[in-house]
């Protein structure tokens, strides 16, 4: 199991240190989230996925990150309250982490090592827009922005990586989840 993400320590939004072993056997969609981003409405779609497939062994895991223009400035308690009252989030949330740079969380190092580039929607201009605004990736494999998504299979293997502008209800992402759940 050492090549999976399940032996990775994380801290819940309530401050409890756990390993992702608690999610072994589930299909996971791991997302770096932010409360003050133009993509924040994706919380609603993420929660819809959670509700639709939770009983089949699927869960979203939200990891707040403040590395992108400071768009997740609150404390864990503020983030938790905002997510539950504004978006009705029921999926597990974790403490703030870094997804890029020298302080990159080990979970994100494993995710990026497994799949170094994200799949974007066919008509995506998101990367080009980010580059034009001076927000290009600093290093190969870096997470581009808030709401990048990693799909992990029941065995802990990273299956797919989706760009921030790939909406949670995009048919490509939805089919990927369905395929992973069928295994």
C-alpha atoms as a PDB file:
ATOM      1  CA  UNK A   1       0.000   0.000   0.000  1.00  0.00           C
ATOM      2  CA  UNK A   2       3.012   2.308   0.138  1.00  0.00           C
ATOM      3  CA  UNK A   3       2.360   3.562  -3.415  1.00  0.00           C
ATOM      4  CA  UNK A   4      -1.106   4.800  -2.455  1.00  0.00           C
ATOM      5  CA  UNK A   5      -2.185   7.987  -0.758  1.00  0.00           C
ATOM      6  CA  UNK A   6      -3.782   6.150   2.154  1.00  0.00           C
ATOM      7  CA  UNK A   7      -0.714   6.269   4.416  1.00  0.00           C
ATOM      8  CA  UNK A   8      -0.568  10.069   4.143  1.00  0.00           C
ATOM      9  CA  UNK A   9      -1.229  12.082   7.306  1.00  0.00           C
ATOM     10  CA  UNK A  10      -3.672  14.961   7.049  1.00  0.00           C
ATOM     11  CA  UNK A  11      -5.348  17.221   9.572  1.00  0.00           C
ATOM     12  CA  UNK A  12      -9.119  17.584   9.559  1.00  0.00           C
ATOM     13  CA  UNK A  13     -10.646  21.039   9.640  1.00  0.00           C
ATOM     14  CA  UNK A  14     -11.386  20.333  13.317  1.00  0.00           C
ATOM     15  CA  UNK A  15      -7.680  19.751  14.050  1.00  0.00           C
ATOM     16  CA  UNK A  16      -7.602  15.939  14.243  1.00  0.00           C
ATOM     17  CA  UNK A  17      -4.539  14.302  12.660  1.00  0.00           C
ATOM     18  CA  UNK A  18      -5.544  11.193  10.708  1.00  0.00           C
ATOM     19  CA  UNK A  19      -4.281   9.186   7.761  1.00  0.00           C
ATOM     20  CA  UNK A  20      -6.263   8.827   4.581  1.00  0.00           C
ATOM     21  CA  UNK A  21      -6.543   5.119   5.452  1.00  0.00           C
ATOM     22  CA  UNK A  22      -9.958   6.159   6.787  1.00  0.00           C
ATOM     23  CA  UNK A  23     -11.004   6.478   3.119  1.00  0.00           C
ATOM     24  CA  UNK A  24      -9.533   3.212   1.810  1.00  0.00           C
ATOM     25  CA  UNK A  25     -12.024   1.474  -0.457  1.00  0.00           C
ATOM     26  CA  UNK A  26     -13.682   4.724  -1.508  1.00  0.00           C
ATOM     27  CA  UNK A  27     -13.376   6.685  -4.719  1.00  0.00           C
ATOM     28  CA  UNK A  28     -12.073  10.150  -3.809  1.00  0.00           C
ATOM     29  CA  UNK A  29     -12.173  13.515  -5.522  1.00  0.00           C
ATOM     30  CA  UNK A  30      -9.477  15.599  -3.821  1.00  0.00           C
ATOM     31  CA  UNK A  31      -9.859  19.333  -4.418  1.00  0.00           C
ATOM     32  CA  UNK A  32      -7.892  22.370  -3.265  1.00  0.00           C
ATOM     33  CA  UNK A  33     -10.637  24.837  -2.401  1.00  0.00           C
ATOM     34  CA  UNK A  34     -10.957  28.547  -1.668  1.00  0.00           C
ATOM     35  CA  UNK A  35     -13.815  30.705  -0.410  1.00  0.00           C
ATOM     36  CA  UNK A  36     -13.107  33.911  -2.316  1.00  0.00           C
ATOM     37  CA  UNK A  37     -12.372  32.647  -5.826  1.00  0.00           C
ATOM     38  CA  UNK A  38     -14.311  33.052  -9.051  1.00  0.00           C
ATOM     39  CA  UNK A  39     -14.517  29.247  -9.109  1.00  0.00           C
ATOM     40  CA  UNK A  40     -15.968  29.006  -5.578  1.00  0.00           C
ATOM     41  CA  UNK A  41     -19.481  28.194  -6.890  1.00  0.00           C
ATOM     42  CA  UNK A  42     -18.019  24.768  -7.725  1.00  0.00           C
ATOM     43  CA  UNK A  43     -18.716  23.963  -4.058  1.00  0.00           C
ATOM     44  CA  UNK A  44     -22.356  23.470  -5.023  1.00  0.00           C
ATOM     45  CA  UNK A  45     -21.489  20.996  -7.780  1.00  0.00           C
ATOM     46  CA  UNK A  46     -19.004  19.188  -5.529  1.00  0.00           C
ATOM     47  CA  UNK A  47     -21.712  18.799  -2.886  1.00  0.00           C
ATOM     48  CA  UNK A  48     -24.116  17.512  -5.557  1.00  0.00           C
ATOM     49  CA  UNK A  49     -21.570  14.822  -6.489  1.00  0.00           C
ATOM     50  CA  UNK A  50     -21.157  13.961  -2.807  1.00  0.00           C
ATOM     51  CA  UNK A  51     -24.885  13.515  -2.350  1.00  0.00           C
ATOM     52  CA  UNK A  52     -25.359  11.594  -5.605  1.00  0.00           C
ATOM     53  CA  UNK A  53     -22.654   8.964  -5.036  1.00  0.00           C
ATOM     54  CA  UNK A  54     -21.817   8.889  -1.359  1.00  0.00           C
ATOM     55  CA  UNK A  55     -23.833   5.699  -0.858  1.00  0.00           C
ATOM     56  CA  UNK A  56     -21.835   4.025  -3.660  1.00  0.00           C
ATOM     57  CA  UNK A  57     -18.525   4.702  -1.911  1.00  0.00           C
ATOM     58  CA  UNK A  58     -17.579   8.128  -3.266  1.00  0.00           C
ATOM     59  CA  UNK A  59     -16.475  11.174  -1.339  1.00  0.00           C
ATOM     60  CA  UNK A  60     -15.078  14.613  -2.030  1.00  0.00           C
ATOM     61  CA  UNK A  61     -12.177  15.755   0.178  1.00  0.00           C
ATOM     62  CA  UNK A  62     -11.717  19.527   0.380  1.00  0.00           C
ATOM     63  CA  UNK A  63      -8.312  21.022   1.169  1.00  0.00           C
ATOM     64  CA  UNK A  64      -8.415  24.809   1.654  1.00  0.00           C
ATOM     65  CA  UNK A  65      -5.409  26.605   0.201  1.00  0.00           C
ATOM     66  CA  UNK A  66      -4.471  30.275   0.443  1.00  0.00           C
ATOM     67  CA  UNK A  67      -1.639  30.216  -2.135  1.00  0.00           C
ATOM     68  CA  UNK A  68      -3.597  31.770  -5.007  1.00  0.00           C
ATOM     69  CA  UNK A  69      -4.018  35.519  -4.479  1.00  0.00           C
ATOM     70  CA  UNK A  70      -4.930  34.942  -0.823  1.00  0.00           C
ATOM     71  CA  UNK A  71      -8.381  33.645  -1.760  1.00  0.00           C
ATOM     72  CA  UNK A  72      -8.711  31.477   1.377  1.00  0.00           C
ATOM     73  CA  UNK A  73      -7.799  33.916   4.166  1.00  0.00           C
ATOM     74  CA  UNK A  74      -9.999  32.627   6.994  1.00  0.00           C
ATOM     75  CA  UNK A  75      -9.299  30.365   9.933  1.00  0.00           C
ATOM     76  CA  UNK A  76     -10.333  26.726   9.817  1.00  0.00           C
ATOM     77  CA  UNK A  77     -13.417  27.541  11.914  1.00  0.00           C
ATOM     78  CA  UNK A  78     -14.385  30.404   9.583  1.00  0.00           C
ATOM     79  CA  UNK A  79     -13.887  28.182   6.515  1.00  0.00           C
ATOM     80  CA  UNK A  80     -15.933  25.362   8.030  1.00  0.00           C
ATOM     81  CA  UNK A  81     -18.786  27.683   9.019  1.00  0.00           C
ATOM     82  CA  UNK A  82     -18.801  29.434   5.650  1.00  0.00           C
ATOM     83  CA  UNK A  83     -18.794  26.161   3.674  1.00  0.00           C
ATOM     84  CA  UNK A  84     -21.613  24.606   5.668  1.00  0.00           C
ATOM     85  CA  UNK A  85     -23.842  27.677   5.869  1.00  0.00           C
ATOM     86  CA  UNK A  86     -23.251  29.064   2.358  1.00  0.00           C
ATOM     87  CA  UNK A  87     -22.946  25.865   0.311  1.00  0.00           C
ATOM     88  CA  UNK A  88     -24.322  23.157   2.597  1.00  0.00           C
ATOM     89  CA  UNK A  89     -21.049  21.244   2.404  1.00  0.00           C
ATOM     90  CA  UNK A  90     -21.252  17.808   4.016  1.00  0.00           C
ATOM     91  CA  UNK A  91     -18.085  16.304   2.547  1.00  0.00           C
ATOM     92  CA  UNK A  92     -14.927  16.137   4.672  1.00  0.00           C
ATOM     93  CA  UNK A  93     -12.863  19.314   4.871  1.00  0.00           C
ATOM     94  CA  UNK A  94      -9.286  19.572   6.078  1.00  0.00           C
ATOM     95  CA  UNK A  95      -6.970  22.222   7.470  1.00  0.00           C
ATOM     96  CA  UNK A  96      -5.307  24.686   5.132  1.00  0.00           C
ATOM     97  CA  UNK A  97      -2.312  23.393   3.225  1.00  0.00           C
ATOM     98  CA  UNK A  98       0.131  24.479   0.549  1.00  0.00           C
ATOM     99  CA  UNK A  99      -0.209  22.654  -2.753  1.00  0.00           C
ATOM    100  CA  UNK A 100       2.848  24.219  -4.422  1.00  0.00           C
ATOM    101  CA  UNK A 101       6.330  25.284  -3.407  1.00  0.00           C
ATOM    102  CA  UNK A 102       8.761  24.130  -0.737  1.00  0.00           C
ATOM    103  CA  UNK A 103       5.989  23.687   1.844  1.00  0.00           C
ATOM    104  CA  UNK A 104       3.834  21.561  -0.486  1.00  0.00           C
ATOM    105  CA  UNK A 105       1.872  19.065   1.585  1.00  0.00           C
ATOM    106  CA  UNK A 106       3.040  15.444   1.134  1.00  0.00           C
ATOM    107  CA  UNK A 107      -0.437  14.497  -0.129  1.00  0.00           C
ATOM    108  CA  UNK A 108      -0.132  16.934  -3.000  1.00  0.00           C
ATOM    109  CA  UNK A 109       3.395  15.773  -3.717  1.00  0.00           C
ATOM    110  CA  UNK A 110       2.043  12.241  -4.152  1.00  0.00           C
ATOM    111  CA  UNK A 111      -0.881  13.418  -6.281  1.00  0.00           C
ATOM    112  CA  UNK A 112       1.331  15.517  -8.560  1.00  0.00           C
ATOM    113  CA  UNK A 113       3.988  12.807  -8.837  1.00  0.00           C
ATOM    114  CA  UNK A 114       1.290  10.379  -9.972  1.00  0.00           C
ATOM    115  CA  UNK A 115      -0.225  12.701 -12.596  1.00  0.00           C
ATOM    116  CA  UNK A 116       1.924  15.746 -13.446  1.00  0.00           C
ATOM    117  CA  UNK A 117      -0.526  17.472 -15.814  1.00  0.00           C
ATOM    118  CA  UNK A 118      -4.231  18.198 -15.617  1.00  0.00           C
ATOM    119  CA  UNK A 119      -6.906  17.441 -18.184  1.00  0.00           C
ATOM    120  CA  UNK A 120      -8.793  20.567 -19.209  1.00  0.00           C
ATOM    121  CA  UNK A 121     -12.132  20.963 -20.964  1.00  0.00           C
ATOM    122  CA  UNK A 122     -11.803  20.843 -24.753  1.00  0.00           C
ATOM    123  CA  UNK A 123     -12.703  24.515 -25.117  1.00  0.00           C
ATOM    124  CA  UNK A 124     -10.579  25.694 -22.183  1.00  0.00           C
ATOM    125  CA  UNK A 125      -8.679  28.955 -22.325  1.00  0.00           C
ATOM    126  CA  UNK A 126      -8.076  29.013 -18.563  1.00  0.00           C
ATOM    127  CA  UNK A 127      -4.342  28.286 -18.723  1.00  0.00           C
ATOM    128  CA  UNK A 128      -3.822  30.913 -21.432  1.00  0.00           C
ATOM    129  CA  UNK A 129      -5.760  33.473 -19.352  1.00  0.00           C
ATOM    130  CA  UNK A 130      -3.674  32.677 -16.290  1.00  0.00           C
ATOM    131  CA  UNK A 131      -0.423  33.010 -18.256  1.00  0.00           C
ATOM    132  CA  UNK A 132      -1.601  36.333 -19.728  1.00  0.00           C
ATOM    133  CA  UNK A 133      -2.162  37.612 -16.172  1.00  0.00           C
ATOM    134  CA  UNK A 134       1.341  36.588 -15.121  1.00  0.00           C
ATOM    135  CA  UNK A 135       0.148  33.516 -13.237  1.00  0.00           C
ATOM    136  CA  UNK A 136       1.889  30.773 -15.191  1.00  0.00           C
ATOM    137  CA  UNK A 137       3.032  27.633 -13.418  1.00  0.00           C
ATOM    138  CA  UNK A 138       6.359  28.196 -11.683  1.00  0.00           C
ATOM    139  CA  UNK A 139       7.384  24.526 -11.903  1.00  0.00           C
ATOM    140  CA  UNK A 140       6.219  21.579 -13.999  1.00  0.00           C
ATOM    141  CA  UNK A 141       3.450  19.731 -12.210  1.00  0.00           C
ATOM    142  CA  UNK A 142       2.394  22.670 -10.042  1.00  0.00           C
ATOM    143  CA  UNK A 143      -1.286  23.111  -9.286  1.00  0.00           C
ATOM    144  CA  UNK A 144      -2.484  25.957 -11.503  1.00  0.00           C
ATOM    145  CA  UNK A 145      -5.205  27.440  -9.294  1.00  0.00           C
ATOM    146  CA  UNK A 146      -7.967  26.774  -6.803  1.00  0.00           C
ATOM    147  CA  UNK A 147     -10.326  23.872  -7.541  1.00  0.00           C
ATOM    148  CA  UNK A 148      -7.890  21.589  -9.334  1.00  0.00           C
ATOM    149  CA  UNK A 149      -9.209  18.051  -8.866  1.00  0.00           C
ATOM    150  CA  UNK A 150      -7.569  14.638  -8.430  1.00  0.00           C
ATOM    151  CA  UNK A 151      -9.633  11.474  -8.792  1.00  0.00           C
ATOM    152  CA  UNK A 152      -8.347   8.566  -6.702  1.00  0.00           C
ATOM    153  CA  UNK A 153      -9.516   4.963  -7.037  1.00  0.00           C
ATOM    154  CA  UNK A 154     -10.651   2.653  -4.259  1.00  0.00           C
ATOM    155  CA  UNK A 155      -7.110   1.226  -4.109  1.00  0.00           C
ATOM    156  CA  UNK A 156      -5.525   4.637  -3.459  1.00  0.00           C
ATOM    157  CA  UNK A 157      -4.082   5.016  -6.949  1.00  0.00           C
ATOM    158  CA  UNK A 158      -4.437   8.433  -8.593  1.00  0.00           C
ATOM    159  CA  UNK A 159      -6.541   7.986 -11.727  1.00  0.00           C
ATOM    160  CA  UNK A 160      -7.079  11.465 -13.176  1.00  0.00           C
ATOM    161  CA  UNK A 161      -6.215  15.107 -12.668  1.00  0.00           C
ATOM    162  CA  UNK A 162      -8.616  17.804 -13.814  1.00  0.00           C
ATOM    163  CA  UNK A 163      -7.924  21.514 -14.335  1.00  0.00           C
ATOM    164  CA  UNK A 164      -9.586  24.148 -12.136  1.00  0.00           C
ATOM    165  CA  UNK A 165     -12.015  25.105 -14.899  1.00  0.00           C
ATOM    166  CA  UNK A 166     -13.192  21.501 -15.366  1.00  0.00           C
ATOM    167  CA  UNK A 167     -16.500  21.826 -13.548  1.00  0.00           C
ATOM    168  CA  UNK A 168     -17.452  18.974 -11.236  1.00  0.00           C
ATOM    169  CA  UNK A 169     -20.502  18.233 -13.395  1.00  0.00           C
ATOM    170  CA  UNK A 170     -18.507  18.116 -16.652  1.00  0.00           C
ATOM    171  CA  UNK A 171     -19.410  14.886 -18.500  1.00  0.00           C
ATOM    172  CA  UNK A 172     -15.737  13.839 -18.710  1.00  0.00           C
ATOM    173  CA  UNK A 173     -15.265  14.139 -14.950  1.00  0.00           C
ATOM    174  CA  UNK A 174     -18.629  12.512 -14.178  1.00  0.00           C
ATOM    175  CA  UNK A 175     -17.850   9.552 -16.451  1.00  0.00           C
ATOM    176  CA  UNK A 176     -14.455   9.162 -14.793  1.00  0.00           C
ATOM    177  CA  UNK A 177     -16.145   8.938 -11.396  1.00  0.00           C
ATOM    178  CA  UNK A 178     -18.683   6.413 -12.691  1.00  0.00           C
ATOM    179  CA  UNK A 179     -15.914   4.275 -14.163  1.00  0.00           C
ATOM    180  CA  UNK A 180     -13.938   4.360 -10.905  1.00  0.00           C
ATOM    181  CA  UNK A 181     -17.025   3.445  -8.880  1.00  0.00           C
ATOM    182  CA  UNK A 182     -17.700   0.465 -11.146  1.00  0.00           C
ATOM    183  CA  UNK A 183     -14.295  -1.082 -10.328  1.00  0.00           C
END
